[in-house]
């Protein structure tokens, strides 16, 4: 058996070990504080990016709706243009037919005048 107090130090840590533990605790506390502050900054940045993404999505939705409306107007105008071109073609063919009838009438008028004796007009 060992005697009373033979190799015991009385429960005291050497001062060097105690200082080393305090330094480790300080380093860990600093790292924890640094990590939490960086985490807070990153959370703010994430929140800002999320709000920006929402605004972008809303703007994109508005642009898609506007694009859809404009495409509808373009289709409507194309149909109107096609209808007007068809009307123009139809009226042009009617005008050519009328021009042909006018020419026939003028030709027959000239033939009648030429077939009268003396080419005199009745008067």
PDB file of N, CA and C in Angstrom:
ATOM      1  N   UNK A   1       0.804  -1.172   0.000  1.00  0.00           N
ATOM      2  CA  UNK A   1       0.000   0.000   0.000  1.00  0.00           C
ATOM      3  C   UNK A   1       0.855   1.247   0.000  1.00  0.00           C
ATOM      4  N   UNK A   2       0.299   2.195  -0.613  1.00  0.00           N
ATOM      5  CA  UNK A   2       1.040   3.449  -0.682  1.00  0.00           C
ATOM      6  C   UNK A   2       0.639   4.302   0.511  1.00  0.00           C
ATOM      7  N   UNK A   3       1.554   5.012   0.988  1.00  0.00           N
ATOM      8  CA  UNK A   3       1.288   5.822   2.167  1.00  0.00           C
ATOM      9  C   UNK A   3       0.413   7.016   1.855  1.00  0.00           C
ATOM     10  N   UNK A   4      -0.012   7.640   2.926  1.00  0.00           N
ATOM     11  CA  UNK A   4      -0.885   8.794   2.763  1.00  0.00           C
ATOM     12  C   UNK A   4      -0.141   9.930   2.066  1.00  0.00           C
ATOM     13  N   UNK A   5      -0.596  10.314   0.903  1.00  0.00           N
ATOM     14  CA  UNK A   5      -0.041  11.440   0.194  1.00  0.00           C
ATOM     15  C   UNK A   5       1.291  11.179  -0.455  1.00  0.00           C
ATOM     16  N   UNK A   6       1.588   9.940  -0.725  1.00  0.00           N
ATOM     17  CA  UNK A   6       2.896   9.616  -1.254  1.00  0.00           C
ATOM     18  C   UNK A   6       3.069  10.166  -2.667  1.00  0.00           C
ATOM     19  N   UNK A   7       2.414   9.747  -3.665  1.00  0.00           N
ATOM     20  CA  UNK A   7       2.582  10.282  -5.013  1.00  0.00           C
ATOM     21  C   UNK A   7       1.326  11.034  -5.468  1.00  0.00           C
ATOM     22  N   UNK A   8       0.631  11.621  -4.615  1.00  0.00           N
ATOM     23  CA  UNK A   8      -0.561  12.386  -4.981  1.00  0.00           C
ATOM     24  C   UNK A   8      -0.235  13.863  -4.955  1.00  0.00           C
ATOM     25  N   UNK A   9      -0.830  14.574  -5.863  1.00  0.00           N
ATOM     26  CA  UNK A   9      -0.528  16.000  -5.957  1.00  0.00           C
ATOM     27  C   UNK A   9      -1.647  16.832  -5.330  1.00  0.00           C
ATOM     28  N   UNK A  10      -2.577  16.246  -4.779  1.00  0.00           N
ATOM     29  CA  UNK A  10      -3.609  16.991  -4.105  1.00  0.00           C
ATOM     30  C   UNK A  10      -4.713  17.454  -5.043  1.00  0.00           C
ATOM     31  N   UNK A  11      -4.913  16.833  -6.238  1.00  0.00           N
ATOM     32  CA  UNK A  11      -5.997  17.158  -7.155  1.00  0.00           C
ATOM     33  C   UNK A  11      -5.758  18.426  -7.952  1.00  0.00           C
ATOM     34  N   UNK A  12      -4.582  18.919  -7.998  1.00  0.00           N
ATOM     35  CA  UNK A  12      -4.301  20.135  -8.756  1.00  0.00           C
ATOM     36  C   UNK A  12      -3.691  19.784 -10.097  1.00  0.00           C
ATOM     37  N   UNK A  13      -4.144  20.474 -11.161  1.00  0.00           N
ATOM     38  CA  UNK A  13      -3.553  20.289 -12.475  1.00  0.00           C
ATOM     39  C   UNK A  13      -2.337  21.179 -12.593  1.00  0.00           C
ATOM     40  N   UNK A  14      -1.393  20.736 -13.338  1.00  0.00           N
ATOM     41  CA  UNK A  14      -0.251  21.624 -13.549  1.00  0.00           C
ATOM     42  C   UNK A  14      -0.724  22.873 -14.293  1.00  0.00           C
ATOM     43  N   UNK A  15      -0.154  23.982 -14.026  1.00  0.00           N
ATOM     44  CA  UNK A  15      -0.586  25.245 -14.617  1.00  0.00           C
ATOM     45  C   UNK A  15      -0.416  25.249 -16.132  1.00  0.00           C
ATOM     46  N   UNK A  16       0.570  24.584 -16.677  1.00  0.00           N
ATOM     47  CA  UNK A  16       0.769  24.525 -18.131  1.00  0.00           C
ATOM     48  C   UNK A  16      -0.393  23.813 -18.814  1.00  0.00           C
ATOM     49  N   UNK A  17      -0.844  22.684 -18.263  1.00  0.00           N
ATOM     50  CA  UNK A  17      -1.978  21.944 -18.834  1.00  0.00           C
ATOM     51  C   UNK A  17      -3.237  22.795 -18.735  1.00  0.00           C
ATOM     52  N   UNK A  18      -3.407  23.493 -17.620  1.00  0.00           N
ATOM     53  CA  UNK A  18      -4.587  24.332 -17.425  1.00  0.00           C
ATOM     54  C   UNK A  18      -4.617  25.469 -18.444  1.00  0.00           C
ATOM     55  N   UNK A  19      -3.514  26.119 -18.681  1.00  0.00           N
ATOM     56  CA  UNK A  19      -3.423  27.195 -19.667  1.00  0.00           C
ATOM     57  C   UNK A  19      -3.686  26.640 -21.062  1.00  0.00           C
ATOM     58  N   UNK A  20      -3.152  25.457 -21.354  1.00  0.00           N
ATOM     59  CA  UNK A  20      -3.373  24.845 -22.665  1.00  0.00           C
ATOM     60  C   UNK A  20      -4.851  24.559 -22.864  1.00  0.00           C
ATOM     61  N   UNK A  21      -5.534  24.059 -21.846  1.00  0.00           N
ATOM     62  CA  UNK A  21      -6.975  23.807 -21.952  1.00  0.00           C
ATOM     63  C   UNK A  21      -7.741  25.107 -22.157  1.00  0.00           C
ATOM     64  N   UNK A  22      -7.356  26.143 -21.451  1.00  0.00           N
ATOM     65  CA  UNK A  22      -8.021  27.439 -21.645  1.00  0.00           C
ATOM     66  C   UNK A  22      -7.816  27.956 -23.071  1.00  0.00           C
ATOM     67  N   UNK A  23      -6.631  27.782 -23.620  1.00  0.00           N
ATOM     68  CA  UNK A  23      -6.358  28.208 -24.987  1.00  0.00           C
ATOM     69  C   UNK A  23      -7.213  27.414 -25.975  1.00  0.00           C
ATOM     70  N   UNK A  24      -7.306  26.095 -25.774  1.00  0.00           N
ATOM     71  CA  UNK A  24      -8.139  25.252 -26.652  1.00  0.00           C
ATOM     72  C   UNK A  24      -9.593  25.676 -26.559  1.00  0.00           C
ATOM     73  N   UNK A  25     -10.076  25.929 -25.336  1.00  0.00           N
ATOM     74  CA  UNK A  25     -11.470  26.365 -25.162  1.00  0.00           C
ATOM     75  C   UNK A  25     -11.681  27.711 -25.847  1.00  0.00           C
ATOM     76  N   UNK A  26     -10.739  28.616 -25.732  1.00  0.00           N
ATOM     77  CA  UNK A  26     -10.856  29.927 -26.382  1.00  0.00           C
ATOM     78  C   UNK A  26     -10.887  29.776 -27.900  1.00  0.00           C
ATOM     79  N   UNK A  27     -10.010  28.930 -28.419  1.00  0.00           N
ATOM     80  CA  UNK A  27      -9.997  28.706 -29.881  1.00  0.00           C
ATOM     81  C   UNK A  27     -11.315  28.104 -30.337  1.00  0.00           C
ATOM     82  N   UNK A  28     -11.822  27.113 -29.607  1.00  0.00           N
ATOM     83  CA  UNK A  28     -13.104  26.502 -29.968  1.00  0.00           C
ATOM     84  C   UNK A  28     -14.238  27.513 -29.865  1.00  0.00           C
ATOM     85  N   UNK A  29     -14.237  28.354 -28.845  1.00  0.00           N
ATOM     86  CA  UNK A  29     -15.283  29.374 -28.697  1.00  0.00           C
ATOM     87  C   UNK A  29     -15.218  30.369 -29.853  1.00  0.00           C
ATOM     88  N   UNK A  30     -13.994  30.801 -30.220  1.00  0.00           N
ATOM     89  CA  UNK A  30     -13.844  31.724 -31.349  1.00  0.00           C
ATOM     90  C   UNK A  30     -14.341  31.090 -32.645  1.00  0.00           C
ATOM     91  N   UNK A  31     -13.960  29.826 -32.865  1.00  0.00           N
ATOM     92  CA  UNK A  31     -14.399  29.128 -34.080  1.00  0.00           C
ATOM     93  C   UNK A  31     -15.919  28.986 -34.102  1.00  0.00           C
ATOM     94  N   UNK A  32     -16.516  28.696 -32.957  1.00  0.00           N
ATOM     95  CA  UNK A  32     -17.971  28.560 -32.869  1.00  0.00           C
ATOM     96  C   UNK A  32     -18.646  29.901 -33.170  1.00  0.00           C
ATOM     97  N   UNK A  33     -18.116  30.982 -32.572  1.00  0.00           N
ATOM     98  CA  UNK A  33     -18.672  32.320 -32.815  1.00  0.00           C
ATOM     99  C   UNK A  33     -18.515  32.700 -34.284  1.00  0.00           C
ATOM    100  N   UNK A  34     -17.351  32.427 -34.857  1.00  0.00           N
ATOM    101  CA  UNK A  34     -17.088  32.742 -36.257  1.00  0.00           C
ATOM    102  C   UNK A  34     -18.027  31.955 -37.167  1.00  0.00           C
ATOM    103  N   UNK A  35     -18.213  30.676 -36.890  1.00  0.00           N
ATOM    104  CA  UNK A  35     -19.090  29.834 -37.707  1.00  0.00           C
ATOM    105  C   UNK A  35     -20.538  30.308 -37.600  1.00  0.00           C
ATOM    106  N   UNK A  36     -20.981  30.685 -36.399  1.00  0.00           N
ATOM    107  CA  UNK A  36     -22.369  31.126 -36.257  1.00  0.00           C
ATOM    108  C   UNK A  36     -22.596  32.462 -36.955  1.00  0.00           C
ATOM    109  N   UNK A  37     -21.613  33.359 -36.910  1.00  0.00           N
ATOM    110  CA  UNK A  37     -21.782  34.638 -37.606  1.00  0.00           C
ATOM    111  C   UNK A  37     -21.774  34.426 -39.122  1.00  0.00           C
ATOM    112  N   UNK A  38     -20.925  33.543 -39.602  1.00  0.00           N
ATOM    113  CA  UNK A  38     -20.919  33.231 -41.042  1.00  0.00           C
ATOM    114  C   UNK A  38     -22.222  32.568 -41.456  1.00  0.00           C
ATOM    115  N   UNK A  39     -22.751  31.711 -40.581  1.00  0.00           N
ATOM    116  CA  UNK A  39     -24.018  31.058 -40.872  1.00  0.00           C
ATOM    117  C   UNK A  39     -25.141  32.090 -40.963  1.00  0.00           C
ATOM    118  N   UNK A  40     -25.147  33.066 -40.065  1.00  0.00           N
ATOM    119  CA  UNK A  40     -26.160  34.118 -40.095  1.00  0.00           C
ATOM    120  C   UNK A  40     -26.056  34.923 -41.386  1.00  0.00           C
ATOM    121  N   UNK A  41     -24.843  35.260 -41.791  1.00  0.00           N
ATOM    122  CA  UNK A  41     -24.653  35.997 -43.050  1.00  0.00           C
ATOM    123  C   UNK A  41     -25.130  35.172 -44.247  1.00  0.00           C
ATOM    124  N   UNK A  42     -24.799  33.898 -44.227  1.00  0.00           N
ATOM    125  CA  UNK A  42     -25.211  33.030 -45.334  1.00  0.00           C
ATOM    126  C   UNK A  42     -26.728  32.860 -45.358  1.00  0.00           C
ATOM    127  N   UNK A  43     -27.356  32.799 -44.186  1.00  0.00           N
ATOM    128  CA  UNK A  43     -28.817  32.691 -44.148  1.00  0.00           C
ATOM    129  C   UNK A  43     -29.465  33.955 -44.699  1.00  0.00           C
ATOM    130  N   UNK A  44     -28.893  35.114 -44.372  1.00  0.00           N
ATOM    131  CA  UNK A  44     -29.402  36.365 -44.944  1.00  0.00           C
ATOM    132  C   UNK A  44     -29.254  36.364 -46.462  1.00  0.00           C
ATOM    133  N   UNK A  45     -28.106  35.900 -46.925  1.00  0.00           N
ATOM    134  CA  UNK A  45     -27.866  35.853 -48.371  1.00  0.00           C
ATOM    135  C   UNK A  45     -28.833  34.895 -49.060  1.00  0.00           C
ATOM    136  N   UNK A  46     -29.083  33.750 -48.426  1.00  0.00           N
ATOM    137  CA  UNK A  46     -30.028  32.779 -48.994  1.00  0.00           C
ATOM    138  C   UNK A  46     -31.422  33.387 -49.045  1.00  0.00           C
ATOM    139  N   UNK A  47     -31.836  34.078 -47.975  1.00  0.00           N
ATOM    140  CA  UNK A  47     -33.155  34.711 -47.964  1.00  0.00           C
ATOM    141  C   UNK A  47     -33.262  35.763 -49.067  1.00  0.00           C
ATOM    142  N   UNK A  48     -32.195  36.535 -49.248  1.00  0.00           N
ATOM    143  CA  UNK A  48     -32.195  37.548 -50.305  1.00  0.00           C
ATOM    144  C   UNK A  48     -32.271  36.908 -51.689  1.00  0.00           C
ATOM    145  N   UNK A  49     -31.522  35.838 -51.875  1.00  0.00           N
ATOM    146  CA  UNK A  49     -31.552  35.149 -53.166  1.00  0.00           C
ATOM    147  C   UNK A  49     -32.915  34.510 -53.424  1.00  0.00           C
ATOM    148  N   UNK A  50     -33.555  34.001 -52.368  1.00  0.00           N
ATOM    149  CA  UNK A  50     -34.887  33.427 -52.537  1.00  0.00           C
ATOM    150  C   UNK A  50     -35.897  34.498 -52.923  1.00  0.00           C
ATOM    151  N   UNK A  51     -35.822  35.660 -52.289  1.00  0.00           N
ATOM    152  CA  UNK A  51     -36.751  36.731 -52.656  1.00  0.00           C
ATOM    153  C   UNK A  51     -36.479  37.213 -54.078  1.00  0.00           C
ATOM    154  N   UNK A  52     -35.211  37.266 -54.451  1.00  0.00           N
ATOM    155  CA  UNK A  52     -34.867  37.654 -55.816  1.00  0.00           C
ATOM    156  C   UNK A  52     -35.385  36.616 -56.809  1.00  0.00           C
ATOM    157  N   UNK A  53     -35.282  35.343 -56.465  1.00  0.00           N
ATOM    158  CA  UNK A  53     -35.786  34.282 -57.339  1.00  0.00           C
ATOM    159  C   UNK A  53     -37.304  34.395 -57.484  1.00  0.00           C
ATOM    160  N   UNK A  54     -37.994  34.722 -56.388  1.00  0.00           N
ATOM    161  CA  UNK A  54     -39.452  34.897 -56.462  1.00  0.00           C
ATOM    162  C   UNK A  54     -39.808  36.066 -57.369  1.00  0.00           C
ATOM    163  N   UNK A  55     -39.088  37.192 -57.204  1.00  0.00           N
ATOM    164  CA  UNK A  55     -39.361  38.350 -58.059  1.00  0.00           C
ATOM    165  C   UNK A  55     -39.099  38.012 -59.522  1.00  0.00           C
ATOM    166  N   UNK A  56     -38.024  37.279 -59.759  1.00  0.00           N
ATOM    167  CA  UNK A  56     -37.699  36.888 -61.128  1.00  0.00           C
ATOM    168  C   UNK A  56     -38.778  35.976 -61.706  1.00  0.00           C
ATOM    169  N   UNK A  57     -39.279  35.069 -60.888  1.00  0.00           N
ATOM    170  CA  UNK A  57     -40.323  34.148 -61.355  1.00  0.00           C
ATOM    171  C   UNK A  57     -41.614  34.908 -61.659  1.00  0.00           C
ATOM    172  N   UNK A  58     -41.950  35.887 -60.819  1.00  0.00           N
ATOM    173  CA  UNK A  58     -43.145  36.698 -61.063  1.00  0.00           C
ATOM    174  C   UNK A  58     -42.976  37.491 -62.360  1.00  0.00           C
ATOM    175  N   UNK A  59     -41.804  38.092 -62.530  1.00  0.00           N
ATOM    176  CA  UNK A  59     -41.545  38.854 -63.752  1.00  0.00           C
ATOM    177  C   UNK A  59     -41.580  37.939 -64.973  1.00  0.00           C
ATOM    178  N   UNK A  60     -41.050  36.747 -64.824  1.00  0.00           N
ATOM    179  CA  UNK A  60     -41.070  35.788 -65.931  1.00  0.00           C
ATOM    180  C   UNK A  60     -42.504  35.416 -66.286  1.00  0.00           C
ATOM    181  N   UNK A  61     -43.331  35.208 -65.274  1.00  0.00           N
ATOM    182  CA  UNK A  61     -44.745  34.895 -65.528  1.00  0.00           C
ATOM    183  C   UNK A  61     -45.439  36.024 -66.268  1.00  0.00           C
ATOM    184  N   UNK A  62     -45.159  37.272 -65.840  1.00  0.00           N
ATOM    185  CA  UNK A  62     -45.761  38.420 -66.527  1.00  0.00           C
ATOM    186  C   UNK A  62     -45.300  38.484 -67.973  1.00  0.00           C
ATOM    187  N   UNK A  63     -43.997  38.255 -68.201  1.00  0.00           N
ATOM    188  CA  UNK A  63     -43.476  38.302 -69.571  1.00  0.00           C
ATOM    189  C   UNK A  63     -44.055  37.192 -70.439  1.00  0.00           C
ATOM    190  N   UNK A  64     -44.218  36.006 -69.855  1.00  0.00           N
ATOM    191  CA  UNK A  64     -44.804  34.912 -70.624  1.00  0.00           C
ATOM    192  C   UNK A  64     -46.260  35.226 -70.985  1.00  0.00           C
ATOM    193  N   UNK A  65     -46.995  35.827 -70.047  1.00  0.00           N
ATOM    194  CA  UNK A  65     -48.380  36.194 -70.333  1.00  0.00           C
ATOM    195  C   UNK A  65     -48.426  37.258 -71.416  1.00  0.00           C
ATOM    196  N   UNK A  66     -47.542  38.265 -71.299  1.00  0.00           N
ATOM    197  CA  UNK A  66     -47.500  39.316 -72.318  1.00  0.00           C
ATOM    198  C   UNK A  66     -47.117  38.740 -73.674  1.00  0.00           C
ATOM    199  N   UNK A  67     -46.147  37.832 -73.673  1.00  0.00           N
ATOM    200  CA  UNK A  67     -45.739  37.190 -74.923  1.00  0.00           C
ATOM    201  C   UNK A  67     -46.909  36.421 -75.527  1.00  0.00           C
ATOM    202  N   UNK A  68     -47.646  35.719 -74.678  1.00  0.00           N
ATOM    203  CA  UNK A  68     -48.805  34.963 -75.159  1.00  0.00           C
ATOM    204  C   UNK A  68     -49.848  35.900 -75.758  1.00  0.00           C
ATOM    205  N   UNK A  69     -50.103  37.031 -75.071  1.00  0.00           N
ATOM    206  CA  UNK A  69     -51.062  38.009 -75.590  1.00  0.00           C
ATOM    207  C   UNK A  69     -50.603  38.566 -76.927  1.00  0.00           C
ATOM    208  N   UNK A  70     -49.309  38.898 -77.010  1.00  0.00           N
ATOM    209  CA  UNK A  70     -48.782  39.445 -78.264  1.00  0.00           C
ATOM    210  C   UNK A  70     -48.838  38.422 -79.392  1.00  0.00           C
ATOM    211  N   UNK A  71     -48.562  37.153 -79.074  1.00  0.00           N
ATOM    212  CA  UNK A  71     -48.649  36.107 -80.108  1.00  0.00           C
ATOM    213  C   UNK A  71     -50.088  35.963 -80.582  1.00  0.00           C
ATOM    214  N   UNK A  72     -51.051  36.097 -79.670  1.00  0.00           N
ATOM    215  CA  UNK A  72     -52.467  36.067 -80.066  1.00  0.00           C
ATOM    216  C   UNK A  72     -52.796  37.216 -80.997  1.00  0.00           C
ATOM    217  N   UNK A  73     -52.271  38.411 -80.680  1.00  0.00           N
ATOM    218  CA  UNK A  73     -52.510  39.561 -81.553  1.00  0.00           C
ATOM    219  C   UNK A  73     -51.859  39.351 -82.914  1.00  0.00           C
ATOM    220  N   UNK A  74     -50.659  38.778 -82.928  1.00  0.00           N
ATOM    221  CA  UNK A  74     -49.977  38.512 -84.202  1.00  0.00           C
ATOM    222  C   UNK A  74     -50.807  37.549 -85.043  1.00  0.00           C
ATOM    223  N   UNK A  75     -51.312  36.493 -84.415  1.00  0.00           N
ATOM    224  CA  UNK A  75     -52.156  35.544 -85.158  1.00  0.00           C
ATOM    225  C   UNK A  75     -53.406  36.221 -85.695  1.00  0.00           C
ATOM    226  N   UNK A  76     -54.019  37.070 -84.866  1.00  0.00           N
ATOM    227  CA  UNK A  76     -55.213  37.797 -85.292  1.00  0.00           C
ATOM    228  C   UNK A  76     -54.893  38.696 -86.482  1.00  0.00           C
ATOM    229  N   UNK A  77     -53.767  39.408 -86.401  1.00  0.00           N
ATOM    230  CA  UNK A  77     -53.393  40.296 -87.507  1.00  0.00           C
ATOM    231  C   UNK A  77     -53.049  39.508 -88.771  1.00  0.00           C
ATOM    232  N   UNK A  78     -52.437  38.344 -88.598  1.00  0.00           N
ATOM    233  CA  UNK A  78     -52.140  37.508 -89.767  1.00  0.00           C
ATOM    234  C   UNK A  78     -53.434  37.072 -90.449  1.00  0.00           C
ATOM    235  N   UNK A  79     -54.430  36.682 -89.648  1.00  0.00           N
ATOM    236  CA  UNK A  79     -55.710  36.274 -90.225  1.00  0.00           C
ATOM    237  C   UNK A  79     -56.381  37.434 -90.941  1.00  0.00           C
ATOM    238  N   UNK A  80     -56.326  38.623 -90.325  1.00  0.00           N
ATOM    239  CA  UNK A  80     -56.904  39.799 -90.975  1.00  0.00           C
ATOM    240  C   UNK A  80     -56.182  40.102 -92.278  1.00  0.00           C
ATOM    241  N   UNK A  81     -54.854  39.998 -92.257  1.00  0.00           N
ATOM    242  CA  UNK A  81     -54.076  40.260 -93.467  1.00  0.00           C
ATOM    243  C   UNK A  81     -54.412  39.247 -94.564  1.00  0.00           C
ATOM    244  N   UNK A  82     -54.512  37.980 -94.189  1.00  0.00           N
ATOM    245  CA  UNK A  82     -54.868  36.953 -95.170  1.00  0.00           C
ATOM    246  C   UNK A  82     -56.262  37.215 -95.741  1.00  0.00           C
ATOM    247  N   UNK A  83     -57.196  37.637 -94.871  1.00  0.00           N
ATOM    248  CA  UNK A  83     -58.551  37.935 -95.337  1.00  0.00           C
ATOM    249  C   UNK A  83     -58.527  39.120 -96.293  1.00  0.00           C
ATOM    250  N   UNK A  84     -57.750  40.153 -95.959  1.00  0.00           N
ATOM    251  CA  UNK A  84     -57.674  41.326 -96.830  1.00  0.00           C
ATOM    252  C   UNK A  84     -57.005  40.978 -98.154  1.00  0.00           C
ATOM    253  N   UNK A  85     -55.994  40.115 -98.113  1.00  0.00           N
ATOM    254  CA  UNK A  85     -55.357  39.690 -99.362  1.00  0.00           C
ATOM    255  C   UNK A  85     -56.333  38.894-100.219  1.00  0.00           C
ATOM    256  N   UNK A  86     -57.134  38.051 -99.569  1.00  0.00           N
ATOM    257  CA  UNK A  86     -58.138  37.291-100.317  1.00  0.00           C
ATOM    258  C   UNK A  86     -59.175  38.235-100.910  1.00  0.00           C
ATOM    259  N   UNK A  87     -59.613  39.235-100.121  1.00  0.00           N
ATOM    260  CA  UNK A  87     -60.575  40.219-100.636  1.00  0.00           C
ATOM    261  C   UNK A  87     -59.969  40.991-101.806  1.00  0.00           C
ATOM    262  N   UNK A  88     -58.701  41.391-101.668  1.00  0.00           N
ATOM    263  CA  UNK A  88     -58.026  42.112-102.734  1.00  0.00           C
ATOM    264  C   UNK A  88     -57.966  41.264-103.996  1.00  0.00           C
ATOM    265  N   UNK A  89     -57.612  40.007-103.844  1.00  0.00           N
ATOM    266  CA  UNK A  89     -57.528  39.110-105.006  1.00  0.00           C
ATOM    267  C   UNK A  89     -58.898  38.975-105.676  1.00  0.00           C
ATOM    268  N   UNK A  90     -59.921  38.817-104.849  1.00  0.00           N
ATOM    269  CA  UNK A  90     -61.285  38.672-105.384  1.00  0.00           C
ATOM    270  C   UNK A  90     -61.706  39.953-106.106  1.00  0.00           C
ATOM    271  N   UNK A  91     -61.469  41.121-105.484  1.00  0.00           N
ATOM    272  CA  UNK A  91     -61.841  42.390-106.114  1.00  0.00           C
ATOM    273  C   UNK A  91     -61.022  42.638-107.373  1.00  0.00           C
ATOM    274  N   UNK A  92     -59.748  42.222-107.366  1.00  0.00           N
ATOM    275  CA  UNK A  92     -58.917  42.391-108.546  1.00  0.00           C
ATOM    276  C   UNK A  92     -59.447  41.556-109.712  1.00  0.00           C
ATOM    277  N   UNK A  93     -59.859  40.338-109.415  1.00  0.00           N
ATOM    278  CA  UNK A  93     -60.413  39.498-110.491  1.00  0.00           C
ATOM    279  C   UNK A  93     -61.743  40.065-110.980  1.00  0.00           C
ATOM    280  N   UNK A  94     -62.558  40.611-110.068  1.00  0.00           N
ATOM    281  CA  UNK A  94     -63.814  41.244-110.492  1.00  0.00           C
ATOM    282  C   UNK A  94     -63.530  42.461-111.365  1.00  0.00           C
ATOM    283  N   UNK A  95     -62.509  43.257-110.980  1.00  0.00           N
ATOM    284  CA  UNK A  95     -62.151  44.430-111.769  1.00  0.00           C
ATOM    285  C   UNK A  95     -61.667  44.028-113.153  1.00  0.00           C
ATOM    286  N   UNK A  96     -60.878  42.971-113.241  1.00  0.00           N
ATOM    287  CA  UNK A  96     -60.413  42.502-114.548  1.00  0.00           C
ATOM    288  C   UNK A  96     -61.588  42.025-115.394  1.00  0.00           C
ATOM    289  N   UNK A  97     -62.541  41.361-114.759  1.00  0.00           N
ATOM    290  CA  UNK A  97     -63.723  40.898-115.497  1.00  0.00           C
ATOM    291  C   UNK A  97     -64.515  42.095-116.005  1.00  0.00           C
ATOM    292  N   UNK A  98     -64.675  43.124-115.162  1.00  0.00           N
ATOM    293  CA  UNK A  98     -65.417  44.324-115.586  1.00  0.00           C
ATOM    294  C   UNK A  98     -64.662  45.046-116.691  1.00  0.00           C
ATOM    295  N   UNK A  99     -63.343  45.107-116.567  1.00  0.00           N
ATOM    296  CA  UNK A  99     -62.548  45.727-117.634  1.00  0.00           C
ATOM    297  C   UNK A  99     -62.746  44.981-118.947  1.00  0.00           C
ATOM    298  N   UNK A 100     -62.824  43.656-118.859  1.00  0.00           N
ATOM    299  CA  UNK A 100     -63.066  42.847-120.056  1.00  0.00           C
ATOM    300  C   UNK A 100     -64.442  43.152-120.646  1.00  0.00           C
ATOM    301  N   UNK A 101     -65.442  43.302-119.788  1.00  0.00           N
ATOM    302  CA  UNK A 101     -66.789  43.633-120.269  1.00  0.00           C
ATOM    303  C   UNK A 101     -66.820  45.025-120.896  1.00  0.00           C
ATOM    304  N   UNK A 102     -66.120  45.989-120.272  1.00  0.00           N
ATOM    305  CA  UNK A 102     -66.066  47.346-120.823  1.00  0.00           C
ATOM    306  C   UNK A 102     -65.407  47.307-122.194  1.00  0.00           C
ATOM    307  N   UNK A 103     -64.322  46.563-122.323  1.00  0.00           N
ATOM    308  CA  UNK A 103     -63.627  46.475-123.612  1.00  0.00           C
ATOM    309  C   UNK A 103     -64.540  45.855-124.668  1.00  0.00           C
ATOM    310  N   UNK A 104     -65.284  44.799-124.284  1.00  0.00           N
ATOM    311  CA  UNK A 104     -66.219  44.186-125.235  1.00  0.00           C
ATOM    312  C   UNK A 104     -67.284  45.188-125.654  1.00  0.00           C
ATOM    313  N   UNK A 105     -67.799  45.947-124.684  1.00  0.00           N
ATOM    314  CA  UNK A 105     -68.828  46.944-125.015  1.00  0.00           C
ATOM    315  C   UNK A 105     -68.272  48.006-125.953  1.00  0.00           C
ATOM    316  N   UNK A 106     -67.051  48.464-125.653  1.00  0.00           N
ATOM    317  CA  UNK A 106     -66.447  49.474-126.522  1.00  0.00           C
ATOM    318  C   UNK A 106     -66.204  48.914-127.913  1.00  0.00           C
ATOM    319  N   UNK A 107     -65.739  47.674-127.990  1.00  0.00           N
ATOM    320  CA  UNK A 107     -65.495  47.042-129.300  1.00  0.00           C
ATOM    321  C   UNK A 107     -66.798  46.907-130.080  1.00  0.00           C
ATOM    322  N   UNK A 108     -67.861  46.485-129.409  1.00  0.00           N
ATOM    323  CA  UNK A 108     -69.140  46.327-130.125  1.00  0.00           C
ATOM    324  C   UNK A 108     -69.695  47.686-130.523  1.00  0.00           C
ATOM    325  N   UNK A 109     -69.437  48.724-129.730  1.00  0.00           N
ATOM    326  CA  UNK A 109     -69.878  50.071-130.055  1.00  0.00           C
ATOM    327  C   UNK A 109     -69.147  50.567-131.300  1.00  0.00           C
ATOM    328  N   UNK A 110     -67.848  50.299-131.339  1.00  0.00           N
ATOM    329  CA  UNK A 110     -67.050  50.712-132.497  1.00  0.00           C
ATOM    330  C   UNK A 110     -67.517  49.966-133.738  1.00  0.00           C
ATOM    331  N   UNK A 111     -67.843  48.689-133.597  1.00  0.00           N
ATOM    332  CA  UNK A 111     -68.311  47.899-134.742  1.00  0.00           C
ATOM    333  C   UNK A 111     -69.653  48.422-135.243  1.00  0.00           C
ATOM    334  N   UNK A 112     -70.540  48.814-134.339  1.00  0.00           N
ATOM    335  CA  UNK A 112     -71.844  49.337-134.743  1.00  0.00           C
ATOM    336  C   UNK A 112     -71.695  50.666-135.466  1.00  0.00           C
ATOM    337  N   UNK A 113     -70.836  51.495-135.001  1.00  0.00           N
ATOM    338  CA  UNK A 113     -70.628  52.785-135.651  1.00  0.00           C
ATOM    339  C   UNK A 113     -70.056  52.579-137.054  1.00  0.00           C
ATOM    340  N   UNK A 114     -69.169  51.601-137.128  1.00  0.00           N
ATOM    341  CA  UNK A 114     -68.553  51.363-138.414  1.00  0.00           C
ATOM    342  C   UNK A 114     -69.514  50.714-139.395  1.00  0.00           C
ATOM    343  N   UNK A 115     -70.537  50.061-138.953  1.00  0.00           N
ATOM    344  CA  UNK A 115     -71.455  49.388-139.859  1.00  0.00           C
ATOM    345  C   UNK A 115     -72.559  50.314-140.342  1.00  0.00           C
ATOM    346  N   UNK A 116     -72.762  51.476-139.795  1.00  0.00           N
ATOM    347  CA  UNK A 116     -73.784  52.439-140.230  1.00  0.00           C
ATOM    348  C   UNK A 116     -73.319  53.100-141.534  1.00  0.00           C
ATOM    349  N   UNK A 117     -74.269  53.368-142.390  1.00  0.00           N
ATOM    350  CA  UNK A 117     -73.892  54.054-143.621  1.00  0.00           C
ATOM    351  C   UNK A 117     -73.427  55.473-143.363  1.00  0.00           C
ATOM    352  N   UNK A 118     -72.303  55.779-143.855  1.00  0.00           N
ATOM    353  CA  UNK A 118     -71.749  57.125-143.738  1.00  0.00           C
ATOM    354  C   UNK A 118     -71.089  57.362-142.400  1.00  0.00           C
ATOM    355  N   UNK A 119     -71.238  56.468-141.506  1.00  0.00           N
ATOM    356  CA  UNK A 119     -70.624  56.610-140.206  1.00  0.00           C
ATOM    357  C   UNK A 119     -71.156  57.791-139.448  1.00  0.00           C
ATOM    358  N   UNK A 120     -72.386  58.203-139.758  1.00  0.00           N
ATOM    359  CA  UNK A 120     -72.959  59.336-139.069  1.00  0.00           C
ATOM    360  C   UNK A 120     -73.682  58.900-137.819  1.00  0.00           C
ATOM    361  N   UNK A 121     -73.699  59.782-136.970  1.00  0.00           N
ATOM    362  CA  UNK A 121     -74.412  59.507-135.717  1.00  0.00           C
ATOM    363  C   UNK A 121     -75.858  59.945-135.858  1.00  0.00           C
ATOM    364  N   UNK A 122     -76.702  59.189-135.242  1.00  0.00           N
ATOM    365  CA  UNK A 122     -78.077  59.686-135.247  1.00  0.00           C
ATOM    366  C   UNK A 122     -78.174  60.894-134.319  1.00  0.00           C
ATOM    367  N   UNK A 123     -78.953  61.834-134.710  1.00  0.00           N
ATOM    368  CA  UNK A 123     -78.921  62.998-133.902  1.00  0.00           C
ATOM    369  C   UNK A 123     -80.096  63.765-133.874  1.00  0.00           C
TER     370      UNK A 123
END
